[in-house]
């Protein structure tokens, strides 16, 4: 099974939750190469850039998100010859105001 990665804190705290990606690694289920932070989804790309940007909907409580993304990079800024689609299964929790208070990638699946 893939290792877990947690990102905690409100989306608007200014806390750099992407630092958690440096501590834990996921292995790509397609090519078996490590996925590093440039490949993985994070609280900013999923919650702030997509959910909050659209507006009009407030998610409250716990939910499981399936986030499509592409394995593009082998190493930092080195593009793979054959990028491939993946899905990150994310456990997220939102408070009564719709602010994300928990974001954890549980596993990465082929897309």
PDB file of N, CA and C in Angstrom:
ATOM      1  N   UNK A   1       0.849  -1.181   0.000  1.00  0.00           N
ATOM      2  CA  UNK A   1       0.000   0.000   0.000  1.00  0.00           C
ATOM      3  C   UNK A   1       0.891   1.239   0.000  1.00  0.00           C
ATOM      4  N   UNK A   2       0.383   2.310  -0.491  1.00  0.00           N
ATOM      5  CA  UNK A   2       1.127   3.549  -0.575  1.00  0.00           C
ATOM      6  C   UNK A   2       1.196   4.237   0.773  1.00  0.00           C
ATOM      7  N   UNK A   3       2.236   5.000   0.986  1.00  0.00           N
ATOM      8  CA  UNK A   3       2.373   5.735   2.231  1.00  0.00           C
ATOM      9  C   UNK A   3       1.373   6.871   2.287  1.00  0.00           C
ATOM     10  N   UNK A   4       1.042   7.293   3.487  1.00  0.00           N
ATOM     11  CA  UNK A   4       0.093   8.381   3.696  1.00  0.00           C
ATOM     12  C   UNK A   4       0.824   9.707   3.759  1.00  0.00           C
ATOM     13  N   UNK A   5       0.117  10.735   3.387  1.00  0.00           N
ATOM     14  CA  UNK A   5       0.654  12.086   3.457  1.00  0.00           C
ATOM     15  C   UNK A   5      -0.431  12.968   4.025  1.00  0.00           C
ATOM     16  N   UNK A   6      -0.125  13.749   5.037  1.00  0.00           N
ATOM     17  CA  UNK A   6      -1.124  14.596   5.652  1.00  0.00           C
ATOM     18  C   UNK A   6      -0.778  16.056   5.458  1.00  0.00           C
ATOM     19  N   UNK A   7      -1.800  16.834   5.250  1.00  0.00           N
ATOM     20  CA  UNK A   7      -1.686  18.281   5.229  1.00  0.00           C
ATOM     21  C   UNK A   7      -2.756  18.778   6.161  1.00  0.00           C
ATOM     22  N   UNK A   8      -2.361  19.489   7.189  1.00  0.00           N
ATOM     23  CA  UNK A   8      -3.325  19.962   8.163  1.00  0.00           C
ATOM     24  C   UNK A   8      -3.282  21.476   8.222  1.00  0.00           C
ATOM     25  N   UNK A   9      -4.385  22.032   8.651  1.00  0.00           N
ATOM     26  CA  UNK A   9      -4.461  23.478   8.817  1.00  0.00           C
ATOM     27  C   UNK A   9      -5.494  24.062   7.900  1.00  0.00           C
ATOM     28  N   UNK A  10      -5.979  25.239   8.254  1.00  0.00           N
ATOM     29  CA  UNK A  10      -6.955  25.941   7.425  1.00  0.00           C
ATOM     30  C   UNK A  10      -6.284  26.401   6.150  1.00  0.00           C
ATOM     31  N   UNK A  11      -7.056  26.468   5.097  1.00  0.00           N
ATOM     32  CA  UNK A  11      -6.527  26.892   3.806  1.00  0.00           C
ATOM     33  C   UNK A  11      -6.040  28.333   3.851  1.00  0.00           C
ATOM     34  N   UNK A  12      -6.549  29.133   4.784  1.00  0.00           N
ATOM     35  CA  UNK A  12      -6.194  30.546   4.815  1.00  0.00           C
ATOM     36  C   UNK A  12      -5.228  30.911   5.943  1.00  0.00           C
ATOM     37  N   UNK A  13      -4.503  29.954   6.510  1.00  0.00           N
ATOM     38  CA  UNK A  13      -3.613  30.241   7.627  1.00  0.00           C
ATOM     39  C   UNK A  13      -2.254  30.773   7.195  1.00  0.00           C
ATOM     40  N   UNK A  14      -1.942  30.638   5.915  1.00  0.00           N
ATOM     41  CA  UNK A  14      -0.618  31.040   5.462  1.00  0.00           C
ATOM     42  C   UNK A  14       0.423  29.971   5.730  1.00  0.00           C
ATOM     43  N   UNK A  15       0.010  28.873   6.354  1.00  0.00           N
ATOM     44  CA  UNK A  15       0.904  27.762   6.657  1.00  0.00           C
ATOM     45  C   UNK A  15       1.292  27.065   5.359  1.00  0.00           C
ATOM     46  N   UNK A  16       2.553  26.699   5.199  1.00  0.00           N
ATOM     47  CA  UNK A  16       2.995  26.037   3.974  1.00  0.00           C
ATOM     48  C   UNK A  16       2.842  24.539   4.144  1.00  0.00           C
ATOM     49  N   UNK A  17       1.644  24.031   3.827  1.00  0.00           N
ATOM     50  CA  UNK A  17       1.379  22.608   4.008  1.00  0.00           C
ATOM     51  C   UNK A  17       2.061  21.764   2.950  1.00  0.00           C
ATOM     52  N   UNK A  18       2.573  22.343   1.890  1.00  0.00           N
ATOM     53  CA  UNK A  18       3.241  21.561   0.854  1.00  0.00           C
ATOM     54  C   UNK A  18       4.555  20.971   1.353  1.00  0.00           C
ATOM     55  N   UNK A  19       5.066  21.451   2.455  1.00  0.00           N
ATOM     56  CA  UNK A  19       6.304  20.920   3.007  1.00  0.00           C
ATOM     57  C   UNK A  19       6.150  19.461   3.408  1.00  0.00           C
ATOM     58  N   UNK A  20       4.926  19.024   3.687  1.00  0.00           N
ATOM     59  CA  UNK A  20       4.704  17.623   4.038  1.00  0.00           C
ATOM     60  C   UNK A  20       5.098  16.696   2.903  1.00  0.00           C
ATOM     61  N   UNK A  21       5.010  17.154   1.644  1.00  0.00           N
ATOM     62  CA  UNK A  21       5.348  16.314   0.506  1.00  0.00           C
ATOM     63  C   UNK A  21       6.816  15.910   0.531  1.00  0.00           C
ATOM     64  N   UNK A  22       7.660  16.692   1.144  1.00  0.00           N
ATOM     65  CA  UNK A  22       9.082  16.354   1.190  1.00  0.00           C
ATOM     66  C   UNK A  22       9.360  15.231   2.182  1.00  0.00           C
ATOM     67  N   UNK A  23       8.447  15.011   3.134  1.00  0.00           N
ATOM     68  CA  UNK A  23       8.690  14.048   4.196  1.00  0.00           C
ATOM     69  C   UNK A  23       8.248  12.637   3.826  1.00  0.00           C
ATOM     70  N   UNK A  24       7.246  12.511   2.963  1.00  0.00           N
ATOM     71  CA  UNK A  24       6.708  11.213   2.608  1.00  0.00           C
ATOM     72  C   UNK A  24       6.660  11.092   1.093  1.00  0.00           C
ATOM     73  N   UNK A  25       6.689   9.870   0.596  1.00  0.00           N
ATOM     74  CA  UNK A  25       6.677   9.659  -0.852  1.00  0.00           C
ATOM     75  C   UNK A  25       5.589   8.680  -1.242  1.00  0.00           C
ATOM     76  N   UNK A  26       5.094   8.870  -2.444  1.00  0.00           N
ATOM     77  CA  UNK A  26       4.192   7.927  -3.069  1.00  0.00           C
ATOM     78  C   UNK A  26       4.920   7.365  -4.281  1.00  0.00           C
ATOM     79  N   UNK A  27       4.590   6.145  -4.623  1.00  0.00           N
ATOM     80  CA  UNK A  27       5.144   5.507  -5.818  1.00  0.00           C
ATOM     81  C   UNK A  27       4.048   5.491  -6.872  1.00  0.00           C
ATOM     82  N   UNK A  28       4.384   5.864  -8.083  1.00  0.00           N
ATOM     83  CA  UNK A  28       3.425   5.872  -9.183  1.00  0.00           C
ATOM     84  C   UNK A  28       2.985   4.434  -9.474  1.00  0.00           C
ATOM     85  N   UNK A  29       1.668   4.172  -9.492  1.00  0.00           N
ATOM     86  CA  UNK A  29       1.196   2.814  -9.764  1.00  0.00           C
ATOM     87  C   UNK A  29       1.356   2.402 -11.231  1.00  0.00           C
ATOM     88  N   UNK A  30       1.673   3.337 -12.113  1.00  0.00           N
ATOM     89  CA  UNK A  30       1.832   3.033 -13.535  1.00  0.00           C
ATOM     90  C   UNK A  30       3.283   2.709 -13.872  1.00  0.00           C
ATOM     91  N   UNK A  31       4.198   3.629 -13.526  1.00  0.00           N
ATOM     92  CA  UNK A  31       5.605   3.447 -13.920  1.00  0.00           C
ATOM     93  C   UNK A  31       6.523   3.048 -12.763  1.00  0.00           C
ATOM     94  N   UNK A  32       5.975   3.014 -11.553  1.00  0.00           N
ATOM     95  CA  UNK A  32       6.713   2.626 -10.336  1.00  0.00           C
ATOM     96  C   UNK A  32       7.817   3.607  -9.947  1.00  0.00           C
ATOM     97  N   UNK A  33       7.807   4.812 -10.486  1.00  0.00           N
ATOM     98  CA  UNK A  33       8.766   5.845 -10.093  1.00  0.00           C
ATOM     99  C   UNK A  33       8.183   6.644  -8.926  1.00  0.00           C
ATOM    100  N   UNK A  34       9.046   7.253  -8.105  1.00  0.00           N
ATOM    101  CA  UNK A  34       8.528   8.085  -7.006  1.00  0.00           C
ATOM    102  C   UNK A  34       7.790   9.311  -7.542  1.00  0.00           C
ATOM    103  N   UNK A  35       6.731   9.683  -6.849  1.00  0.00           N
ATOM    104  CA  UNK A  35       6.019  10.926  -7.141  1.00  0.00           C
ATOM    105  C   UNK A  35       6.485  11.959  -6.128  1.00  0.00           C
ATOM    106  N   UNK A  36       7.006  13.068  -6.601  1.00  0.00           N
ATOM    107  CA  UNK A  36       7.442  14.097  -5.663  1.00  0.00           C
ATOM    108  C   UNK A  36       6.464  15.255  -5.716  1.00  0.00           C
ATOM    109  N   UNK A  37       6.712  16.291  -4.935  1.00  0.00           N
ATOM    110  CA  UNK A  37       5.740  17.367  -4.753  1.00  0.00           C
ATOM    111  C   UNK A  37       5.328  18.073  -6.033  1.00  0.00           C
ATOM    112  N   UNK A  38       6.162  18.110  -7.071  1.00  0.00           N
ATOM    113  CA  UNK A  38       5.777  18.760  -8.320  1.00  0.00           C
ATOM    114  C   UNK A  38       4.695  17.967  -9.054  1.00  0.00           C
ATOM    115  N   UNK A  39       4.528  16.696  -8.733  1.00  0.00           N
ATOM    116  CA  UNK A  39       3.520  15.852  -9.374  1.00  0.00           C
ATOM    117  C   UNK A  39       2.211  15.795  -8.597  1.00  0.00           C
ATOM    118  N   UNK A  40       2.274  15.787  -7.298  1.00  0.00           N
ATOM    119  CA  UNK A  40       1.101  15.522  -6.469  1.00  0.00           C
ATOM    120  C   UNK A  40       0.175  16.720  -6.329  1.00  0.00           C
ATOM    121  N   UNK A  41      -1.109  16.416  -6.155  1.00  0.00           N
ATOM    122  CA  UNK A  41      -2.071  17.462  -5.843  1.00  0.00           C
ATOM    123  C   UNK A  41      -1.828  17.926  -4.412  1.00  0.00           C
ATOM    124  N   UNK A  42      -2.231  19.150  -4.123  1.00  0.00           N
ATOM    125  CA  UNK A  42      -2.106  19.660  -2.765  1.00  0.00           C
ATOM    126  C   UNK A  42      -3.344  20.487  -2.429  1.00  0.00           C
ATOM    127  N   UNK A  43      -3.406  20.970  -1.203  1.00  0.00           N
ATOM    128  CA  UNK A  43      -4.573  21.716  -0.744  1.00  0.00           C
ATOM    129  C   UNK A  43      -4.809  22.957  -1.599  1.00  0.00           C
ATOM    130  N   UNK A  44      -3.758  23.598  -2.070  1.00  0.00           N
ATOM    131  CA  UNK A  44      -3.923  24.798  -2.886  1.00  0.00           C
ATOM    132  C   UNK A  44      -4.513  24.452  -4.251  1.00  0.00           C
ATOM    133  N   UNK A  45      -3.946  23.448  -4.922  1.00  0.00           N
ATOM    134  CA  UNK A  45      -4.414  23.116  -6.274  1.00  0.00           C
ATOM    135  C   UNK A  45      -5.831  22.548  -6.277  1.00  0.00           C
ATOM    136  N   UNK A  46      -6.207  21.809  -5.260  1.00  0.00           N
ATOM    137  CA  UNK A  46      -7.533  21.196  -5.228  1.00  0.00           C
ATOM    138  C   UNK A  46      -8.570  22.131  -4.624  1.00  0.00           C
ATOM    139  N   UNK A  47      -8.307  22.578  -3.403  1.00  0.00           N
ATOM    140  CA  UNK A  47      -9.318  23.340  -2.674  1.00  0.00           C
ATOM    141  C   UNK A  47      -9.349  24.804  -3.103  1.00  0.00           C
ATOM    142  N   UNK A  48      -8.222  25.489  -3.012  1.00  0.00           N
ATOM    143  CA  UNK A  48      -8.214  26.923  -3.297  1.00  0.00           C
ATOM    144  C   UNK A  48      -8.393  27.232  -4.778  1.00  0.00           C
ATOM    145  N   UNK A  49      -7.633  26.564  -5.634  1.00  0.00           N
ATOM    146  CA  UNK A  49      -7.666  26.897  -7.060  1.00  0.00           C
ATOM    147  C   UNK A  49      -8.885  26.333  -7.783  1.00  0.00           C
ATOM    148  N   UNK A  50      -9.473  25.253  -7.294  1.00  0.00           N
ATOM    149  CA  UNK A  50     -10.620  24.650  -7.975  1.00  0.00           C
ATOM    150  C   UNK A  50     -11.931  24.854  -7.219  1.00  0.00           C
ATOM    151  N   UNK A  51     -12.039  24.331  -6.012  1.00  0.00           N
ATOM    152  CA  UNK A  51     -13.307  24.421  -5.286  1.00  0.00           C
ATOM    153  C   UNK A  51     -13.671  25.860  -4.922  1.00  0.00           C
ATOM    154  N   UNK A  52     -12.745  26.608  -4.342  1.00  0.00           N
ATOM    155  CA  UNK A  52     -13.054  27.968  -3.924  1.00  0.00           C
ATOM    156  C   UNK A  52     -13.211  28.885  -5.124  1.00  0.00           C
ATOM    157  N   UNK A  53     -12.464  28.649  -6.184  1.00  0.00           N
ATOM    158  CA  UNK A  53     -12.508  29.493  -7.366  1.00  0.00           C
ATOM    159  C   UNK A  53     -13.894  29.452  -8.015  1.00  0.00           C
ATOM    160  N   UNK A  54     -14.477  28.284  -8.091  1.00  0.00           N
ATOM    161  CA  UNK A  54     -15.803  28.136  -8.706  1.00  0.00           C
ATOM    162  C   UNK A  54     -16.860  28.873  -7.901  1.00  0.00           C
ATOM    163  N   UNK A  55     -16.782  28.778  -6.571  1.00  0.00           N
ATOM    164  CA  UNK A  55     -17.721  29.488  -5.707  1.00  0.00           C
ATOM    165  C   UNK A  55     -19.134  28.939  -5.768  1.00  0.00           C
ATOM    166  N   UNK A  56     -19.976  29.459  -4.886  1.00  0.00           N
ATOM    167  CA  UNK A  56     -21.382  29.087  -4.860  1.00  0.00           C
ATOM    168  C   UNK A  56     -21.702  27.810  -4.116  1.00  0.00           C
ATOM    169  N   UNK A  57     -20.712  27.018  -3.794  1.00  0.00           N
ATOM    170  CA  UNK A  57     -20.929  25.767  -3.073  1.00  0.00           C
ATOM    171  C   UNK A  57     -19.978  25.736  -1.886  1.00  0.00           C
ATOM    172  N   UNK A  58     -20.513  25.381  -0.716  1.00  0.00           N
ATOM    173  CA  UNK A  58     -19.687  25.233   0.480  1.00  0.00           C
ATOM    174  C   UNK A  58     -19.766  23.786   0.930  1.00  0.00           C
ATOM    175  N   UNK A  59     -18.638  23.111   0.939  1.00  0.00           N
ATOM    176  CA  UNK A  59     -18.590  21.739   1.427  1.00  0.00           C
ATOM    177  C   UNK A  59     -18.401  21.820   2.928  1.00  0.00           C
ATOM    178  N   UNK A  60     -19.207  21.075   3.673  1.00  0.00           N
ATOM    179  CA  UNK A  60     -19.134  21.061   5.129  1.00  0.00           C
ATOM    180  C   UNK A  60     -19.014  19.613   5.570  1.00  0.00           C
ATOM    181  N   UNK A  61     -18.094  19.340   6.490  1.00  0.00           N
ATOM    182  CA  UNK A  61     -17.908  17.997   7.008  1.00  0.00           C
ATOM    183  C   UNK A  61     -16.790  17.258   6.293  1.00  0.00           C
ATOM    184  N   UNK A  62     -16.778  15.952   6.479  1.00  0.00           N
ATOM    185  CA  UNK A  62     -15.741  15.102   5.886  1.00  0.00           C
ATOM    186  C   UNK A  62     -16.190  14.595   4.528  1.00  0.00           C
ATOM    187  N   UNK A  63     -15.221  14.479   3.633  1.00  0.00           N
ATOM    188  CA  UNK A  63     -15.527  13.957   2.307  1.00  0.00           C
ATOM    189  C   UNK A  63     -14.296  13.287   1.719  1.00  0.00           C
ATOM    190  N   UNK A  64     -14.520  12.443   0.727  1.00  0.00           N
ATOM    191  CA  UNK A  64     -13.440  11.816  -0.012  1.00  0.00           C
ATOM    192  C   UNK A  64     -13.435  12.430  -1.408  1.00  0.00           C
ATOM    193  N   UNK A  65     -12.298  12.954  -1.825  1.00  0.00           N
ATOM    194  CA  UNK A  65     -12.157  13.572  -3.138  1.00  0.00           C
ATOM    195  C   UNK A  65     -11.300  12.680  -4.024  1.00  0.00           C
ATOM    196  N   UNK A  66     -11.690  12.529  -5.266  1.00  0.00           N
ATOM    197  CA  UNK A  66     -10.863  11.838  -6.267  1.00  0.00           C
ATOM    198  C   UNK A  66     -10.368  12.916  -7.212  1.00  0.00           C
ATOM    199  N   UNK A  67      -9.067  13.184  -7.177  1.00  0.00           N
ATOM    200  CA  UNK A  67      -8.473  14.309  -7.893  1.00  0.00           C
ATOM    201  C   UNK A  67      -7.619  13.805  -9.057  1.00  0.00           C
ATOM    202  N   UNK A  68      -8.040  14.145 -10.274  1.00  0.00           N
ATOM    203  CA  UNK A  68      -7.279  13.774 -11.465  1.00  0.00           C
ATOM    204  C   UNK A  68      -6.030  14.650 -11.571  1.00  0.00           C
ATOM    205  N   UNK A  69      -4.917  14.021 -11.909  1.00  0.00           N
ATOM    206  CA  UNK A  69      -3.693  14.769 -12.169  1.00  0.00           C
ATOM    207  C   UNK A  69      -2.808  13.937 -13.084  1.00  0.00           C
ATOM    208  N   UNK A  70      -1.719  14.502 -13.530  1.00  0.00           N
ATOM    209  CA  UNK A  70      -0.836  13.816 -14.464  1.00  0.00           C
ATOM    210  C   UNK A  70       0.560  13.677 -13.863  1.00  0.00           C
ATOM    211  N   UNK A  71       1.134  12.488 -14.005  1.00  0.00           N
ATOM    212  CA  UNK A  71       2.529  12.272 -13.611  1.00  0.00           C
ATOM    213  C   UNK A  71       3.378  12.776 -14.776  1.00  0.00           C
ATOM    214  N   UNK A  72       3.906  13.974 -14.631  1.00  0.00           N
ATOM    215  CA  UNK A  72       4.649  14.631 -15.706  1.00  0.00           C
ATOM    216  C   UNK A  72       6.142  14.674 -15.478  1.00  0.00           C
ATOM    217  N   UNK A  73       6.543  14.744 -14.204  1.00  0.00           N
ATOM    218  CA  UNK A  73       7.946  15.009 -13.892  1.00  0.00           C
ATOM    219  C   UNK A  73       8.606  13.808 -13.231  1.00  0.00           C
ATOM    220  N   UNK A  74       9.813  13.465 -13.726  1.00  0.00           N
ATOM    221  CA  UNK A  74      10.606  12.393 -13.149  1.00  0.00           C
ATOM    222  C   UNK A  74      11.369  12.917 -11.947  1.00  0.00           C
ATOM    223  N   UNK A  75      12.073  13.984 -12.158  1.00  0.00           N
ATOM    224  CA  UNK A  75      12.785  14.688 -11.100  1.00  0.00           C
ATOM    225  C   UNK A  75      12.360  16.131 -11.215  1.00  0.00           C
ATOM    226  N   UNK A  76      12.800  16.944 -10.295  1.00  0.00           N
ATOM    227  CA  UNK A  76      12.385  18.338 -10.302  1.00  0.00           C
ATOM    228  C   UNK A  76      12.599  18.972 -11.674  1.00  0.00           C
ATOM    229  N   UNK A  77      11.493  19.346 -12.312  1.00  0.00           N
ATOM    230  CA  UNK A  77      11.475  20.024 -13.609  1.00  0.00           C
ATOM    231  C   UNK A  77      12.028  19.190 -14.767  1.00  0.00           C
ATOM    232  N   UNK A  78      12.160  17.872 -14.604  1.00  0.00           N
ATOM    233  CA  UNK A  78      12.566  16.985 -15.700  1.00  0.00           C
ATOM    234  C   UNK A  78      11.310  16.242 -16.153  1.00  0.00           C
ATOM    235  N   UNK A  79      10.853  16.533 -17.364  1.00  0.00           N
ATOM    236  CA  UNK A  79       9.604  15.975 -17.869  1.00  0.00           C
ATOM    237  C   UNK A  79       9.784  14.527 -18.312  1.00  0.00           C
ATOM    238  N   UNK A  80       8.798  13.690 -17.982  1.00  0.00           N
ATOM    239  CA  UNK A  80       8.800  12.297 -18.419  1.00  0.00           C
ATOM    240  C   UNK A  80       8.570  12.224 -19.927  1.00  0.00           C
ATOM    241  N   UNK A  81       9.136  11.223 -20.566  1.00  0.00           N
ATOM    242  CA  UNK A  81       8.897  11.015 -21.996  1.00  0.00           C
ATOM    243  C   UNK A  81       7.444  10.647 -22.275  1.00  0.00           C
ATOM    244  N   UNK A  82       6.836   9.892 -21.369  1.00  0.00           N
ATOM    245  CA  UNK A  82       5.449   9.463 -21.530  1.00  0.00           C
ATOM    246  C   UNK A  82       4.653   9.776 -20.258  1.00  0.00           C
ATOM    247  N   UNK A  83       4.197  11.030 -20.100  1.00  0.00           N
ATOM    248  CA  UNK A  83       3.367  11.363 -18.934  1.00  0.00           C
ATOM    249  C   UNK A  83       2.089  10.517 -18.942  1.00  0.00           C
ATOM    250  N   UNK A  84       1.535  10.258 -17.765  1.00  0.00           N
ATOM    251  CA  UNK A  84       0.329   9.448 -17.680  1.00  0.00           C
ATOM    252  C   UNK A  84      -0.596   9.989 -16.594  1.00  0.00           C
ATOM    253  N   UNK A  85      -1.881   9.671 -16.732  1.00  0.00           N
ATOM    254  CA  UNK A  85      -2.900  10.183 -15.828  1.00  0.00           C
ATOM    255  C   UNK A  85      -2.994   9.323 -14.581  1.00  0.00           C
ATOM    256  N   UNK A  86      -3.212  10.010 -13.448  1.00  0.00           N
ATOM    257  CA  UNK A  86      -3.367   9.363 -12.154  1.00  0.00           C
ATOM    258  C   UNK A  86      -4.551   9.982 -11.424  1.00  0.00           C
ATOM    259  N   UNK A  87      -4.962   9.341 -10.339  1.00  0.00           N
ATOM    260  CA  UNK A  87      -6.021   9.861  -9.480  1.00  0.00           C
ATOM    261  C   UNK A  87      -5.529   9.788  -8.037  1.00  0.00           C
ATOM    262  N   UNK A  88      -5.573  10.922  -7.348  1.00  0.00           N
ATOM    263  CA  UNK A  88      -5.242  10.953  -5.924  1.00  0.00           C
ATOM    264  C   UNK A  88      -6.540  10.834  -5.139  1.00  0.00           C
ATOM    265  N   UNK A  89      -6.584   9.883  -4.220  1.00  0.00           N
ATOM    266  CA  UNK A  89      -7.732   9.728  -3.329  1.00  0.00           C
ATOM    267  C   UNK A  89      -7.395  10.516  -2.068  1.00  0.00           C
ATOM    268  N   UNK A  90      -8.208  11.552  -1.804  1.00  0.00           N
ATOM    269  CA  UNK A  90      -7.913  12.496  -0.727  1.00  0.00           C
ATOM    270  C   UNK A  90      -9.043  12.502   0.289  1.00  0.00           C
ATOM    271  N   UNK A  91      -8.699  12.385   1.566  1.00  0.00           N
ATOM    272  CA  UNK A  91      -9.658  12.620   2.632  1.00  0.00           C
ATOM    273  C   UNK A  91      -9.546  14.090   3.000  1.00  0.00           C
ATOM    274  N   UNK A  92     -10.676  14.777   2.988  1.00  0.00           N
ATOM    275  CA  UNK A  92     -10.688  16.199   3.328  1.00  0.00           C
ATOM    276  C   UNK A  92     -11.798  16.461   4.327  1.00  0.00           C
ATOM    277  N   UNK A  93     -11.597  17.496   5.135  1.00  0.00           N
ATOM    278  CA  UNK A  93     -12.620  17.904   6.089  1.00  0.00           C
ATOM    279  C   UNK A  93     -12.749  19.413   6.036  1.00  0.00           C
ATOM    280  N   UNK A  94     -13.989  19.873   6.057  1.00  0.00           N
ATOM    281  CA  UNK A  94     -14.292  21.295   5.971  1.00  0.00           C
ATOM    282  C   UNK A  94     -15.100  21.710   7.191  1.00  0.00           C
ATOM    283  N   UNK A  95     -14.817  22.905   7.726  1.00  0.00           N
ATOM    284  CA  UNK A  95     -15.557  23.395   8.878  1.00  0.00           C
ATOM    285  C   UNK A  95     -16.913  23.949   8.449  1.00  0.00           C
ATOM    286  N   UNK A  96     -17.656  24.543   9.401  1.00  0.00           N
ATOM    287  CA  UNK A  96     -19.009  25.050   9.139  1.00  0.00           C
ATOM    288  C   UNK A  96     -19.027  26.178   8.113  1.00  0.00           C
ATOM    289  N   UNK A  97     -17.901  26.847   7.931  1.00  0.00           N
ATOM    290  CA  UNK A  97     -17.816  27.946   6.971  1.00  0.00           C
ATOM    291  C   UNK A  97     -17.323  27.486   5.600  1.00  0.00           C
ATOM    292  N   UNK A  98     -16.996  26.210   5.493  1.00  0.00           N
ATOM    293  CA  UNK A  98     -16.502  25.683   4.227  1.00  0.00           C
ATOM    294  C   UNK A  98     -15.002  25.794   4.054  1.00  0.00           C
ATOM    295  N   UNK A  99     -14.274  26.128   5.115  1.00  0.00           N
ATOM    296  CA  UNK A  99     -12.817  26.205   5.064  1.00  0.00           C
ATOM    297  C   UNK A  99     -12.233  24.802   5.259  1.00  0.00           C
ATOM    298  N   UNK A 100     -11.251  24.446   4.456  1.00  0.00           N
ATOM    299  CA  UNK A 100     -10.621  23.131   4.563  1.00  0.00           C
ATOM    300  C   UNK A 100      -9.717  23.098   5.792  1.00  0.00           C
ATOM    301  N   UNK A 101      -9.987  22.151   6.697  1.00  0.00           N
ATOM    302  CA  UNK A 101      -9.205  22.034   7.923  1.00  0.00           C
ATOM    303  C   UNK A 101      -8.365  20.757   7.955  1.00  0.00           C
ATOM    304  N   UNK A 102      -8.567  19.877   6.972  1.00  0.00           N
ATOM    305  CA  UNK A 102      -7.785  18.639   6.905  1.00  0.00           C
ATOM    306  C   UNK A 102      -7.701  18.202   5.440  1.00  0.00           C
ATOM    307  N   UNK A 103      -6.507  17.811   5.007  1.00  0.00           N
ATOM    308  CA  UNK A 103      -6.296  17.384   3.619  1.00  0.00           C
ATOM    309  C   UNK A 103      -5.229  16.303   3.658  1.00  0.00           C
ATOM    310  N   UNK A 104      -5.616  15.069   3.283  1.00  0.00           N
ATOM    311  CA  UNK A 104      -4.690  13.942   3.378  1.00  0.00           C
ATOM    312  C   UNK A 104      -4.816  13.070   2.137  1.00  0.00           C
ATOM    313  N   UNK A 105      -3.716  12.911   1.411  1.00  0.00           N
ATOM    314  CA  UNK A 105      -3.709  11.975   0.280  1.00  0.00           C
ATOM    315  C   UNK A 105      -3.596  10.579   0.856  1.00  0.00           C
ATOM    316  N   UNK A 106      -4.617   9.748   0.584  1.00  0.00           N
ATOM    317  CA  UNK A 106      -4.630   8.388   1.105  1.00  0.00           C
ATOM    318  C   UNK A 106      -3.930   7.413   0.172  1.00  0.00           C
ATOM    319  N   UNK A 107      -4.147   7.587  -1.147  1.00  0.00           N
ATOM    320  CA  UNK A 107      -3.507   6.704  -2.112  1.00  0.00           C
ATOM    321  C   UNK A 107      -3.532   7.346  -3.489  1.00  0.00           C
ATOM    322  N   UNK A 108      -2.693   6.811  -4.367  1.00  0.00           N
ATOM    323  CA  UNK A 108      -2.647   7.258  -5.756  1.00  0.00           C
ATOM    324  C   UNK A 108      -2.949   6.051  -6.633  1.00  0.00           C
ATOM    325  N   UNK A 109      -3.915   6.236  -7.538  1.00  0.00           N
ATOM    326  CA  UNK A 109      -4.367   5.155  -8.421  1.00  0.00           C
ATOM    327  C   UNK A 109      -4.107   5.498  -9.874  1.00  0.00           C
ATOM    328  N   UNK A 110      -4.050   4.487 -10.736  1.00  0.00           N
ATOM    329  CA  UNK A 110      -3.948   4.795 -12.173  1.00  0.00           C
ATOM    330  C   UNK A 110      -5.181   5.580 -12.618  1.00  0.00           C
ATOM    331  N   UNK A 111      -5.006   6.500 -13.573  1.00  0.00           N
ATOM    332  CA  UNK A 111      -6.124   7.345 -14.048  1.00  0.00           C
ATOM    333  C   UNK A 111      -6.911   6.706 -15.043  1.00  0.00           C
TER     334      UNK A 111
END
